[in-house]
Amino acid sequence: MPFDHVTQCRIGDEAQPVVVVDGFAPDAAALREAALAACFGPAGEHYPGVRAPLPAGYMDACLPRIAQAMGRSFGRLRRLRVIDASFSIVATAPGALQPRQRLPHVDAYGAERIALVHYLGPEPHGTAFYRHRVTGYETVDATRAPAYFAAVDRELSGDAPPPGYIASDTAAFACTARFDARFDRALLYRSYALHSGAIPPDADLSADPARGRLTVTAFLAME
């Protein structure tokens, strides 16, 4: 089944690849119905919301489609492997966020690690990418991590960001690109790109999959 549309983008000064796929799932309505019936629970320490398991075998079945969408955007691809994948809903109230949850983040350090976000809700709250003003970094790998986190720690000790999700330029970060969510749209990008959900202050942060910012969030390894 072909995609509706695939757009290959390069963002920021580092020209990092982002692939936008509209019409990603073979049956997005059925996938959303599976989410409505799933059992969600706390996501853990870093993700500000809840997660639930995907239907068995779903991500493995998607890998050929993901590889097709990626093409050569991220370099030569021989094989993709799923590291982790789940239904996810951002549901933590802005006032309950820890200081680091109010900043852009990276999910892994390696250039071979790819993040997938597949939007399954009706709202336009997508994903934004950032440059750290002090270091100039738009990506953080293992080499850059010590300098980056030392700079962030100094900034947090001096003036912590106000409660809320980062949704635009701040004194510490410049937004380099923003991609709106659409039902059955997926984004693919390197996990070490500084990014955050583009969650406005008035967003409905319900943990109910019928109302909230429902996505499939997956982390992949290129091998």
N, C-alpha and C. Protein backbone atom coordinates (compact mmCIF):
# COMPACT_ATOMS: atom_id res chain seq x y z
N MET A 1 0.85 -1.19 0.00
CA MET A 1 0.00 0.00 0.00
C MET A 1 0.89 1.24 0.00
N PRO A 2 0.77 2.14 -0.98
CA PRO A 2 1.65 3.30 -1.06
C PRO A 2 1.30 4.36 -0.02
N PHE A 3 2.30 5.17 0.33
CA PHE A 3 2.05 6.31 1.19
C PHE A 3 1.32 7.39 0.41
N ASP A 4 0.58 8.25 1.14
CA ASP A 4 -0.05 9.39 0.48
C ASP A 4 1.01 10.37 -0.03
N HIS A 5 2.02 10.60 0.83
CA HIS A 5 3.04 11.58 0.46
C HIS A 5 4.24 11.41 1.38
N VAL A 6 5.45 11.52 0.83
CA VAL A 6 6.68 11.48 1.61
C VAL A 6 7.50 12.72 1.26
N THR A 7 7.91 13.46 2.29
CA THR A 7 8.72 14.67 2.11
C THR A 7 10.04 14.49 2.83
N GLN A 8 11.14 14.66 2.12
CA GLN A 8 12.48 14.59 2.70
C GLN A 8 12.93 16.02 3.00
N CYS A 9 13.22 16.32 4.26
CA CYS A 9 13.60 17.68 4.68
C CYS A 9 15.01 17.68 5.26
N ARG A 10 15.63 18.86 5.22
CA ARG A 10 16.87 19.11 5.95
C ARG A 10 16.63 20.35 6.80
N ILE A 11 16.96 20.29 8.08
CA ILE A 11 16.62 21.37 8.99
C ILE A 11 17.86 21.90 9.71
N GLY A 12 17.80 23.19 10.04
CA GLY A 12 18.82 23.82 10.87
C GLY A 12 20.15 24.01 10.18
N ASP A 13 21.09 24.57 10.94
CA ASP A 13 22.44 24.78 10.42
C ASP A 13 23.16 23.47 10.16
N GLU A 14 22.81 22.42 10.89
CA GLU A 14 23.46 21.13 10.71
C GLU A 14 22.81 20.30 9.60
N ALA A 15 21.74 20.82 9.00
CA ALA A 15 21.08 20.15 7.87
C ALA A 15 20.72 18.70 8.20
N GLN A 16 20.16 18.51 9.38
CA GLN A 16 19.76 17.16 9.78
C GLN A 16 18.52 16.71 9.02
N PRO A 17 18.44 15.42 8.66
CA PRO A 17 17.29 14.93 7.90
C PRO A 17 16.07 14.71 8.79
N VAL A 18 14.92 15.08 8.26
CA VAL A 18 13.62 14.72 8.82
C VAL A 18 12.77 14.24 7.66
N VAL A 19 12.15 13.07 7.82
CA VAL A 19 11.26 12.53 6.79
C VAL A 19 9.84 12.62 7.31
N VAL A 20 8.97 13.23 6.52
CA VAL A 20 7.55 13.39 6.86
C VAL A 20 6.74 12.47 5.96
N VAL A 21 5.98 11.57 6.58
CA VAL A 21 5.19 10.59 5.83
C VAL A 21 3.72 10.81 6.15
N ASP A 22 2.93 11.16 5.15
CA ASP A 22 1.48 11.25 5.31
C ASP A 22 0.84 10.00 4.75
N GLY A 23 -0.14 9.47 5.50
CA GLY A 23 -0.72 8.19 5.12
C GLY A 23 0.22 7.05 5.46
N PHE A 24 0.71 7.04 6.71
CA PHE A 24 1.77 6.10 7.07
C PHE A 24 1.26 4.67 7.26
N ALA A 25 0.17 4.49 7.99
CA ALA A 25 -0.25 3.14 8.38
C ALA A 25 -1.15 2.52 7.32
N PRO A 26 -1.05 1.22 7.11
CA PRO A 26 -1.98 0.54 6.19
C PRO A 26 -3.43 0.69 6.63
N ASP A 27 -3.68 0.72 7.96
CA ASP A 27 -5.03 0.90 8.48
C ASP A 27 -4.94 1.71 9.77
N ALA A 28 -4.85 3.04 9.62
CA ALA A 28 -4.67 3.91 10.77
C ALA A 28 -5.89 3.90 11.69
N ALA A 29 -7.08 3.78 11.13
CA ALA A 29 -8.29 3.75 11.96
C ALA A 29 -8.29 2.53 12.88
N ALA A 30 -7.88 1.38 12.36
CA ALA A 30 -7.82 0.17 13.18
C ALA A 30 -6.75 0.30 14.26
N LEU A 31 -5.63 0.95 13.93
CA LEU A 31 -4.57 1.15 14.91
C LEU A 31 -5.06 2.06 16.04
N ARG A 32 -5.79 3.10 15.68
CA ARG A 32 -6.36 3.98 16.71
C ARG A 32 -7.36 3.22 17.58
N GLU A 33 -8.17 2.38 16.99
CA GLU A 33 -9.12 1.58 17.77
C GLU A 33 -8.38 0.67 18.74
N ALA A 34 -7.25 0.13 18.32
CA ALA A 34 -6.44 -0.70 19.23
C ALA A 34 -5.95 0.12 20.41
N ALA A 35 -5.58 1.38 20.15
CA ALA A 35 -5.14 2.25 21.24
C ALA A 35 -6.28 2.55 22.21
N LEU A 36 -7.47 2.75 21.68
CA LEU A 36 -8.61 3.05 22.55
C LEU A 36 -8.92 1.89 23.49
N ALA A 37 -8.57 0.68 23.08
CA ALA A 37 -8.83 -0.50 23.90
C ALA A 37 -7.62 -0.90 24.75
N ALA A 38 -6.49 -0.22 24.60
CA ALA A 38 -5.26 -0.61 25.28
C ALA A 38 -5.27 -0.15 26.74
N CYS A 39 -4.42 -0.76 27.54
CA CYS A 39 -4.28 -0.43 28.96
C CYS A 39 -3.04 0.44 29.14
N PHE A 40 -3.26 1.72 29.39
CA PHE A 40 -2.16 2.67 29.54
C PHE A 40 -1.70 2.74 31.01
N GLY A 41 -0.41 2.98 31.18
CA GLY A 41 0.15 3.16 32.50
C GLY A 41 1.28 4.16 32.48
N PRO A 42 1.83 4.52 33.64
CA PRO A 42 2.92 5.51 33.69
C PRO A 42 4.08 5.12 32.77
N ALA A 43 4.65 6.13 32.11
CA ALA A 43 5.68 5.86 31.11
C ALA A 43 7.06 5.70 31.71
N GLY A 44 7.27 6.15 32.93
CA GLY A 44 8.60 6.09 33.51
C GLY A 44 9.11 7.48 33.84
N GLU A 45 10.41 7.58 34.05
CA GLU A 45 10.99 8.78 34.62
C GLU A 45 10.98 9.97 33.67
N HIS A 46 11.25 9.77 32.38
CA HIS A 46 11.52 10.91 31.50
C HIS A 46 10.32 11.32 30.66
N TYR A 47 9.53 10.39 30.16
CA TYR A 47 8.42 10.75 29.28
C TYR A 47 7.27 11.33 30.10
N PRO A 48 6.77 12.50 29.72
CA PRO A 48 5.74 13.16 30.54
C PRO A 48 4.32 12.69 30.21
N GLY A 49 4.05 11.42 30.47
CA GLY A 49 2.72 10.92 30.15
C GLY A 49 2.59 9.44 30.40
N VAL A 50 1.78 8.79 29.57
CA VAL A 50 1.47 7.37 29.75
C VAL A 50 1.74 6.61 28.46
N ARG A 51 1.92 5.29 28.61
CA ARG A 51 2.21 4.44 27.46
C ARG A 51 1.43 3.14 27.57
N ALA A 52 1.29 2.46 26.42
CA ALA A 52 0.63 1.16 26.37
C ALA A 52 1.28 0.33 25.27
N PRO A 53 1.22 -0.99 25.38
CA PRO A 53 1.82 -1.85 24.35
C PRO A 53 1.10 -1.73 23.01
N LEU A 54 1.85 -1.89 21.94
CA LEU A 54 1.28 -1.94 20.59
C LEU A 54 0.75 -3.34 20.31
N PRO A 55 -0.11 -3.48 19.32
CA PRO A 55 -0.52 -4.83 18.91
C PRO A 55 0.70 -5.69 18.56
N ALA A 56 0.65 -6.94 18.93
CA ALA A 56 1.78 -7.84 18.71
C ALA A 56 2.16 -7.88 17.23
N GLY A 57 3.45 -7.71 16.97
CA GLY A 57 3.96 -7.80 15.61
C GLY A 57 3.77 -6.56 14.76
N TYR A 58 3.14 -5.52 15.31
CA TYR A 58 2.83 -4.35 14.47
C TYR A 58 4.10 -3.68 13.95
N MET A 59 5.06 -3.38 14.82
CA MET A 59 6.24 -2.65 14.37
C MET A 59 7.08 -3.48 13.42
N ASP A 60 7.23 -4.76 13.69
CA ASP A 60 8.01 -5.59 12.77
C ASP A 60 7.39 -5.58 11.38
N ALA A 61 6.06 -5.59 11.31
CA ALA A 61 5.39 -5.55 10.02
C ALA A 61 5.59 -4.21 9.32
N CYS A 62 5.82 -3.15 10.10
CA CYS A 62 5.99 -1.81 9.53
C CYS A 62 7.40 -1.55 9.01
N LEU A 63 8.37 -2.36 9.42
CA LEU A 63 9.77 -2.04 9.09
C LEU A 63 10.02 -1.88 7.60
N PRO A 64 9.47 -2.73 6.71
CA PRO A 64 9.71 -2.50 5.27
C PRO A 64 9.16 -1.16 4.80
N ARG A 65 8.02 -0.73 5.34
CA ARG A 65 7.46 0.56 4.96
C ARG A 65 8.33 1.70 5.49
N ILE A 66 8.83 1.55 6.71
CA ILE A 66 9.70 2.58 7.27
C ILE A 66 10.97 2.71 6.45
N ALA A 67 11.58 1.58 6.10
CA ALA A 67 12.79 1.61 5.28
C ALA A 67 12.52 2.27 3.94
N GLN A 68 11.36 1.99 3.35
CA GLN A 68 11.00 2.62 2.08
C GLN A 68 10.92 4.13 2.23
N ALA A 69 10.29 4.59 3.31
CA ALA A 69 10.15 6.03 3.52
C ALA A 69 11.50 6.70 3.77
N MET A 70 12.38 6.02 4.50
CA MET A 70 13.69 6.60 4.84
C MET A 70 14.56 6.75 3.60
N GLY A 71 14.50 5.80 2.68
CA GLY A 71 15.37 5.87 1.52
C GLY A 71 16.81 5.98 1.94
N ARG A 72 17.52 6.94 1.36
CA ARG A 72 18.93 7.19 1.73
C ARG A 72 19.08 8.46 2.58
N SER A 73 17.97 8.96 3.15
CA SER A 73 18.05 10.21 3.92
C SER A 73 19.02 10.14 5.08
N PHE A 74 19.13 8.97 5.70
CA PHE A 74 19.98 8.82 6.87
C PHE A 74 21.25 8.03 6.56
N GLY A 75 21.56 7.85 5.31
CA GLY A 75 22.71 7.08 4.91
C GLY A 75 22.32 5.69 4.45
N ARG A 76 23.31 4.90 4.14
CA ARG A 76 23.06 3.56 3.64
C ARG A 76 22.35 2.72 4.69
N LEU A 77 21.31 2.02 4.27
CA LEU A 77 20.50 1.23 5.19
C LEU A 77 20.47 -0.21 4.71
N ARG A 78 20.98 -1.11 5.56
CA ARG A 78 20.91 -2.55 5.24
C ARG A 78 19.78 -3.22 6.01
N ARG A 79 19.63 -2.85 7.28
CA ARG A 79 18.61 -3.48 8.11
C ARG A 79 18.16 -2.53 9.19
N LEU A 80 16.87 -2.59 9.57
CA LEU A 80 16.33 -1.84 10.69
C LEU A 80 15.94 -2.80 11.80
N ARG A 81 16.20 -2.37 13.03
CA ARG A 81 15.80 -3.17 14.18
C ARG A 81 15.01 -2.29 15.14
N VAL A 82 13.92 -2.83 15.70
CA VAL A 82 13.11 -2.11 16.67
C VAL A 82 13.75 -2.24 18.05
N ILE A 83 14.05 -1.11 18.68
CA ILE A 83 14.58 -1.11 20.04
C ILE A 83 13.45 -1.01 21.06
N ASP A 84 12.51 -0.13 20.79
CA ASP A 84 11.38 0.07 21.70
C ASP A 84 10.26 0.74 20.92
N ALA A 85 9.01 0.41 21.25
CA ALA A 85 7.87 1.03 20.57
C ALA A 85 6.63 0.88 21.44
N SER A 86 5.78 1.89 21.43
CA SER A 86 4.57 1.85 22.25
C SER A 86 3.60 2.92 21.79
N PHE A 87 2.34 2.78 22.20
CA PHE A 87 1.41 3.90 22.17
C PHE A 87 1.85 4.87 23.27
N SER A 88 1.79 6.17 23.00
CA SER A 88 2.21 7.17 23.98
C SER A 88 1.25 8.35 23.96
N ILE A 89 1.01 8.91 25.15
CA ILE A 89 0.16 10.10 25.27
C ILE A 89 0.85 11.07 26.23
N VAL A 90 1.14 12.28 25.77
CA VAL A 90 1.63 13.34 26.66
C VAL A 90 0.48 13.76 27.56
N ALA A 91 0.67 13.63 28.88
CA ALA A 91 -0.45 13.88 29.79
C ALA A 91 -0.05 14.59 31.08
N THR A 92 1.22 14.92 31.26
CA THR A 92 1.66 15.58 32.48
C THR A 92 1.31 17.07 32.43
N ALA A 93 0.68 17.57 33.48
CA ALA A 93 0.32 18.98 33.53
C ALA A 93 1.58 19.85 33.50
N PRO A 94 1.51 21.02 32.85
CA PRO A 94 2.71 21.87 32.75
C PRO A 94 3.36 22.16 34.10
N GLY A 95 2.54 22.40 35.12
CA GLY A 95 3.09 22.73 36.43
C GLY A 95 3.78 21.57 37.12
N ALA A 96 3.56 20.34 36.63
CA ALA A 96 4.16 19.16 37.25
C ALA A 96 5.44 18.71 36.55
N LEU A 97 5.85 19.41 35.50
CA LEU A 97 7.05 19.02 34.77
C LEU A 97 8.31 19.30 35.59
N GLN A 98 9.26 18.37 35.54
CA GLN A 98 10.57 18.62 36.11
C GLN A 98 11.31 19.63 35.22
N PRO A 99 12.29 20.36 35.76
CA PRO A 99 12.97 21.38 34.95
C PRO A 99 13.51 20.85 33.62
N ARG A 100 14.11 19.66 33.60
CA ARG A 100 14.65 19.14 32.34
C ARG A 100 13.54 18.76 31.36
N GLN A 101 12.34 18.46 31.84
CA GLN A 101 11.23 18.15 30.93
C GLN A 101 10.69 19.40 30.25
N ARG A 102 11.13 20.56 30.67
CA ARG A 102 10.72 21.83 30.06
C ARG A 102 11.67 22.25 28.94
N LEU A 103 12.67 21.42 28.67
CA LEU A 103 13.69 21.71 27.67
C LEU A 103 13.60 20.71 26.52
N PRO A 104 14.17 21.03 25.36
CA PRO A 104 14.35 20.01 24.33
C PRO A 104 15.24 18.89 24.87
N HIS A 105 15.16 17.72 24.23
CA HIS A 105 15.91 16.57 24.70
C HIS A 105 16.39 15.75 23.51
N VAL A 106 17.27 14.82 23.78
CA VAL A 106 17.66 13.80 22.80
C VAL A 106 17.31 12.44 23.40
N ASP A 107 17.11 11.45 22.54
CA ASP A 107 16.71 10.13 23.00
C ASP A 107 17.86 9.13 23.00
N ALA A 108 18.88 9.37 22.22
CA ALA A 108 20.05 8.49 22.14
C ALA A 108 21.16 9.29 21.47
N TYR A 109 22.40 8.82 21.59
CA TYR A 109 23.54 9.58 21.08
C TYR A 109 24.01 9.16 19.68
N GLY A 110 23.72 7.97 19.22
CA GLY A 110 24.30 7.48 17.99
C GLY A 110 23.58 7.96 16.74
N ALA A 111 24.34 8.26 15.68
CA ALA A 111 23.74 8.68 14.41
C ALA A 111 22.93 7.58 13.76
N GLU A 112 23.16 6.33 14.18
CA GLU A 112 22.43 5.20 13.60
C GLU A 112 21.10 4.95 14.29
N ARG A 113 20.79 5.71 15.32
CA ARG A 113 19.53 5.55 16.05
C ARG A 113 18.50 6.51 15.47
N ILE A 114 17.32 5.99 15.14
CA ILE A 114 16.26 6.75 14.48
C ILE A 114 15.01 6.74 15.35
N ALA A 115 14.37 7.89 15.48
CA ALA A 115 13.11 8.01 16.20
C ALA A 115 11.96 8.11 15.19
N LEU A 116 10.85 7.49 15.55
CA LEU A 116 9.61 7.55 14.77
C LEU A 116 8.50 8.05 15.68
N VAL A 117 7.78 9.07 15.25
CA VAL A 117 6.57 9.51 15.92
C VAL A 117 5.43 9.47 14.91
N HIS A 118 4.41 8.69 15.21
CA HIS A 118 3.26 8.51 14.32
C HIS A 118 2.03 9.06 15.04
N TYR A 119 1.47 10.13 14.50
CA TYR A 119 0.37 10.84 15.16
C TYR A 119 -0.96 10.17 14.84
N LEU A 120 -1.72 9.88 15.91
CA LEU A 120 -3.01 9.20 15.74
C LEU A 120 -4.17 9.98 16.34
N GLY A 121 -3.92 11.22 16.76
CA GLY A 121 -4.98 12.06 17.30
C GLY A 121 -5.38 13.15 16.34
N PRO A 122 -6.43 13.88 16.66
CA PRO A 122 -6.92 14.92 15.75
C PRO A 122 -6.24 16.27 15.90
N GLU A 123 -5.48 16.47 17.00
CA GLU A 123 -4.94 17.79 17.29
C GLU A 123 -3.66 18.05 16.50
N PRO A 124 -3.28 19.34 16.31
CA PRO A 124 -2.11 19.67 15.49
C PRO A 124 -0.80 19.75 16.26
N HIS A 125 -0.76 19.24 17.50
CA HIS A 125 0.42 19.42 18.36
C HIS A 125 1.51 18.44 17.95
N GLY A 126 2.41 18.91 17.12
CA GLY A 126 3.41 18.04 16.51
C GLY A 126 4.72 18.04 17.26
N THR A 127 5.82 18.25 16.54
CA THR A 127 7.16 18.13 17.09
C THR A 127 8.01 19.29 16.58
N ALA A 128 8.83 19.86 17.46
CA ALA A 128 9.70 20.97 17.09
C ALA A 128 11.15 20.59 17.39
N PHE A 129 12.06 21.22 16.64
CA PHE A 129 13.49 20.96 16.77
C PHE A 129 14.20 22.26 17.14
N TYR A 130 15.34 22.13 17.82
CA TYR A 130 15.95 23.29 18.46
C TYR A 130 17.47 23.31 18.31
N ARG A 131 18.02 24.52 18.46
CA ARG A 131 19.45 24.75 18.59
C ARG A 131 19.72 25.34 19.97
N HIS A 132 20.70 24.78 20.69
CA HIS A 132 21.11 25.35 21.97
C HIS A 132 21.99 26.56 21.70
N ARG A 133 21.58 27.70 22.19
CA ARG A 133 22.25 28.95 21.81
C ARG A 133 23.69 29.02 22.28
N VAL A 134 23.99 28.61 23.49
CA VAL A 134 25.34 28.76 24.03
C VAL A 134 26.33 27.87 23.29
N THR A 135 25.99 26.61 23.09
CA THR A 135 26.92 25.69 22.43
C THR A 135 26.77 25.69 20.92
N GLY A 136 25.62 26.12 20.42
CA GLY A 136 25.33 26.05 18.99
C GLY A 136 24.92 24.66 18.53
N TYR A 137 24.76 23.72 19.44
CA TYR A 137 24.45 22.35 19.06
C TYR A 137 22.97 22.18 18.68
N GLU A 138 22.74 21.48 17.60
CA GLU A 138 21.41 21.03 17.22
C GLU A 138 21.26 19.51 17.39
N THR A 139 22.39 18.85 17.54
CA THR A 139 22.44 17.43 17.86
C THR A 139 23.44 17.23 19.01
N VAL A 140 23.19 16.18 19.79
CA VAL A 140 24.08 15.88 20.92
C VAL A 140 24.46 14.42 20.85
N ASP A 141 25.72 14.16 20.46
CA ASP A 141 26.24 12.79 20.47
C ASP A 141 27.12 12.61 21.70
N ALA A 142 27.77 11.45 21.81
CA ALA A 142 28.56 11.17 22.99
C ALA A 142 29.73 12.15 23.15
N THR A 143 30.25 12.64 22.03
CA THR A 143 31.36 13.59 22.10
C THR A 143 30.91 14.95 22.61
N ARG A 144 29.73 15.37 22.19
CA ARG A 144 29.22 16.68 22.59
C ARG A 144 28.55 16.68 23.96
N ALA A 145 28.12 15.53 24.43
CA ALA A 145 27.28 15.47 25.63
C ALA A 145 27.90 16.15 26.85
N PRO A 146 29.19 15.94 27.19
CA PRO A 146 29.71 16.60 28.39
C PRO A 146 29.60 18.11 28.35
N ALA A 147 29.98 18.74 27.23
CA ALA A 147 29.91 20.20 27.14
C ALA A 147 28.46 20.67 27.15
N TYR A 148 27.60 19.94 26.45
CA TYR A 148 26.19 20.35 26.38
C TYR A 148 25.54 20.31 27.76
N PHE A 149 25.66 19.19 28.46
CA PHE A 149 24.97 19.06 29.74
C PHE A 149 25.59 19.94 30.82
N ALA A 150 26.89 20.22 30.71
CA ALA A 150 27.49 21.18 31.64
C ALA A 150 26.90 22.57 31.44
N ALA A 151 26.71 22.96 30.18
CA ALA A 151 26.11 24.27 29.90
C ALA A 151 24.66 24.32 30.36
N VAL A 152 23.91 23.25 30.11
CA VAL A 152 22.51 23.21 30.55
C VAL A 152 22.42 23.26 32.08
N ASP A 153 23.29 22.54 32.76
CA ASP A 153 23.27 22.58 34.22
C ASP A 153 23.53 23.99 34.74
N ARG A 154 24.46 24.71 34.11
CA ARG A 154 24.72 26.09 34.53
C ARG A 154 23.47 26.95 34.32
N GLU A 155 22.81 26.76 33.18
CA GLU A 155 21.60 27.54 32.90
C GLU A 155 20.49 27.22 33.89
N LEU A 156 20.31 25.95 34.21
CA LEU A 156 19.25 25.57 35.15
C LEU A 156 19.54 26.08 36.56
N SER A 157 20.80 26.10 36.94
CA SER A 157 21.13 26.58 38.28
C SER A 157 20.94 28.08 38.39
N GLY A 158 21.07 28.79 37.27
CA GLY A 158 20.92 30.24 37.31
C GLY A 158 19.49 30.70 37.17
N ASP A 159 18.75 30.11 36.27
CA ASP A 159 17.38 30.56 36.01
C ASP A 159 16.62 29.42 35.34
N ALA A 160 15.93 28.61 36.12
CA ALA A 160 15.19 27.48 35.57
C ALA A 160 14.06 27.97 34.67
N PRO A 161 13.76 27.24 33.60
CA PRO A 161 12.66 27.65 32.72
C PRO A 161 11.34 27.61 33.46
N PRO A 162 10.40 28.48 33.11
CA PRO A 162 9.11 28.49 33.79
C PRO A 162 8.35 27.19 33.53
N PRO A 163 7.39 26.85 34.40
CA PRO A 163 6.61 25.62 34.19
C PRO A 163 5.93 25.63 32.82
N GLY A 164 5.99 24.52 32.14
CA GLY A 164 5.36 24.41 30.83
C GLY A 164 6.28 23.74 29.83
N TYR A 165 5.68 23.24 28.76
CA TYR A 165 6.42 22.63 27.67
C TYR A 165 7.03 23.72 26.80
N ILE A 166 8.25 23.51 26.34
CA ILE A 166 8.84 24.47 25.42
C ILE A 166 8.08 24.41 24.10
N ALA A 167 7.67 25.57 23.61
CA ALA A 167 6.83 25.60 22.41
C ALA A 167 7.30 26.62 21.39
N SER A 168 8.41 27.32 21.67
CA SER A 168 8.91 28.33 20.75
C SER A 168 10.32 28.72 21.19
N ASP A 169 10.85 29.79 20.60
CA ASP A 169 12.17 30.27 21.00
C ASP A 169 12.18 30.67 22.48
N THR A 170 13.31 30.39 23.13
CA THR A 170 13.53 30.86 24.50
C THR A 170 14.91 31.50 24.57
N ALA A 171 15.27 31.99 25.74
CA ALA A 171 16.59 32.58 25.91
C ALA A 171 17.69 31.55 25.68
N ALA A 172 17.42 30.29 25.96
CA ALA A 172 18.44 29.25 25.86
C ALA A 172 18.40 28.47 24.56
N PHE A 173 17.24 28.41 23.89
CA PHE A 173 17.07 27.56 22.72
C PHE A 173 16.36 28.33 21.60
N ALA A 174 16.81 28.09 20.37
CA ALA A 174 16.16 28.63 19.18
C ALA A 174 15.48 27.49 18.43
N CYS A 175 14.24 27.70 18.06
CA CYS A 175 13.50 26.69 17.30
C CYS A 175 13.97 26.73 15.84
N THR A 176 14.42 25.59 15.32
CA THR A 176 14.92 25.52 13.94
C THR A 176 13.88 24.99 12.96
N ALA A 177 12.89 24.26 13.45
CA ALA A 177 11.84 23.71 12.56
C ALA A 177 10.71 23.19 13.43
N ARG A 178 9.52 23.22 12.86
CA ARG A 178 8.34 22.70 13.54
C ARG A 178 7.48 21.96 12.51
N PHE A 179 7.00 20.79 12.91
CA PHE A 179 6.15 19.99 12.05
C PHE A 179 4.83 19.73 12.77
N ASP A 180 3.74 20.18 12.18
CA ASP A 180 2.43 19.96 12.78
C ASP A 180 2.05 18.49 12.72
N ALA A 181 1.28 18.06 13.72
CA ALA A 181 0.71 16.72 13.69
C ALA A 181 -0.52 16.72 12.78
N ARG A 182 -0.69 15.61 12.08
CA ARG A 182 -1.92 15.31 11.34
C ARG A 182 -2.21 13.84 11.55
N PHE A 183 -3.50 13.49 11.53
CA PHE A 183 -3.84 12.09 11.70
C PHE A 183 -3.15 11.24 10.63
N ASP A 184 -2.46 10.21 11.07
CA ASP A 184 -1.74 9.26 10.22
C ASP A 184 -0.52 9.88 9.54
N ARG A 185 0.04 10.92 10.14
CA ARG A 185 1.34 11.45 9.72
C ARG A 185 2.41 10.87 10.63
N ALA A 186 3.57 10.55 10.07
CA ALA A 186 4.71 10.08 10.85
C ALA A 186 5.93 10.94 10.53
N LEU A 187 6.74 11.16 11.55
CA LEU A 187 8.05 11.80 11.40
C LEU A 187 9.14 10.79 11.71
N LEU A 188 10.22 10.84 10.93
CA LEU A 188 11.42 10.06 11.18
C LEU A 188 12.59 11.03 11.29
N TYR A 189 13.39 10.91 12.35
CA TYR A 189 14.53 11.79 12.55
C TYR A 189 15.56 11.09 13.43
N ARG A 190 16.78 11.59 13.41
CA ARG A 190 17.82 11.00 14.25
C ARG A 190 17.52 11.28 15.72
N SER A 191 17.69 10.26 16.53
CA SER A 191 17.34 10.37 17.95
C SER A 191 18.20 11.39 18.69
N TYR A 192 19.37 11.75 18.14
CA TYR A 192 20.20 12.70 18.86
C TYR A 192 19.94 14.15 18.46
N ALA A 193 18.91 14.40 17.67
CA ALA A 193 18.49 15.78 17.38
C ALA A 193 17.73 16.35 18.57
N LEU A 194 18.07 17.57 18.97
CA LEU A 194 17.35 18.22 20.05
C LEU A 194 15.92 18.52 19.61
N HIS A 195 14.94 18.01 20.35
CA HIS A 195 13.56 18.13 19.92
C HIS A 195 12.64 18.10 21.13
N SER A 196 11.38 18.43 20.89
CA SER A 196 10.36 18.37 21.93
C SER A 196 9.00 18.33 21.26
N GLY A 197 8.04 17.73 21.94
CA GLY A 197 6.67 17.87 21.48
C GLY A 197 6.28 19.33 21.49
N ALA A 198 5.60 19.78 20.44
CA ALA A 198 5.16 21.18 20.35
C ALA A 198 3.81 21.30 21.04
N ILE A 199 3.84 21.43 22.36
CA ILE A 199 2.65 21.39 23.19
C ILE A 199 2.32 22.80 23.68
N PRO A 200 1.27 23.44 23.17
CA PRO A 200 0.94 24.80 23.61
C PRO A 200 0.36 24.80 25.02
N PRO A 201 0.37 25.96 25.68
CA PRO A 201 -0.12 26.03 27.06
C PRO A 201 -1.57 25.60 27.22
N ASP A 202 -2.39 25.77 26.19
CA ASP A 202 -3.81 25.43 26.31
C ASP A 202 -4.15 24.04 25.78
N ALA A 203 -3.15 23.19 25.57
CA ALA A 203 -3.39 21.85 25.01
C ALA A 203 -4.20 21.00 25.99
N ASP A 204 -5.05 20.14 25.43
CA ASP A 204 -5.79 19.17 26.23
C ASP A 204 -4.85 18.00 26.52
N LEU A 205 -4.41 17.91 27.77
CA LEU A 205 -3.43 16.89 28.14
C LEU A 205 -4.10 15.70 28.81
N SER A 206 -5.21 15.29 28.26
CA SER A 206 -5.92 14.14 28.79
C SER A 206 -5.12 12.86 28.53
N ALA A 207 -5.16 11.94 29.50
CA ALA A 207 -4.56 10.62 29.31
C ALA A 207 -5.51 9.66 28.60
N ASP A 208 -6.70 10.12 28.28
CA ASP A 208 -7.69 9.32 27.54
C ASP A 208 -7.25 9.25 26.07
N PRO A 209 -6.99 8.07 25.51
CA PRO A 209 -6.54 8.01 24.12
C PRO A 209 -7.55 8.56 23.12
N ALA A 210 -8.82 8.64 23.51
CA ALA A 210 -9.82 9.21 22.61
C ALA A 210 -9.71 10.73 22.52
N ARG A 211 -9.04 11.36 23.50
CA ARG A 211 -8.96 12.83 23.56
C ARG A 211 -7.54 13.35 23.48
N GLY A 212 -6.58 12.61 24.01
CA GLY A 212 -5.24 13.14 24.21
C GLY A 212 -4.38 13.12 22.96
N ARG A 213 -3.11 13.51 23.15
CA ARG A 213 -2.12 13.55 22.06
C ARG A 213 -1.57 12.13 21.86
N LEU A 214 -2.34 11.33 21.16
CA LEU A 214 -2.02 9.93 20.97
C LEU A 214 -1.03 9.76 19.82
N THR A 215 0.05 9.03 20.10
CA THR A 215 1.05 8.72 19.08
C THR A 215 1.51 7.28 19.24
N VAL A 216 2.12 6.77 18.19
CA VAL A 216 3.04 5.64 18.32
C VAL A 216 4.44 6.24 18.36
N THR A 217 5.20 5.91 19.40
CA THR A 217 6.57 6.37 19.53
C THR A 217 7.49 5.16 19.46
N ALA A 218 8.45 5.20 18.56
CA ALA A 218 9.33 4.05 18.37
C ALA A 218 10.76 4.52 18.21
N PHE A 219 11.68 3.66 18.64
CA PHE A 219 13.10 3.91 18.48
C PHE A 219 13.71 2.73 17.73
N LEU A 220 14.45 3.06 16.68
CA LEU A 220 14.97 2.07 15.74
C LEU A 220 16.49 2.17 15.64
N ALA A 221 17.11 1.07 15.28
CA ALA A 221 18.55 1.06 15.03
C ALA A 221 18.80 0.69 13.59
N MET A 222 19.62 1.49 12.91
CA MET A 222 20.09 1.16 11.57
C MET A 222 21.30 0.25 11.68
N GLU A 223 21.27 -0.86 10.98
CA GLU A 223 22.37 -1.82 11.06
C GLU A 223 22.84 -2.20 9.67
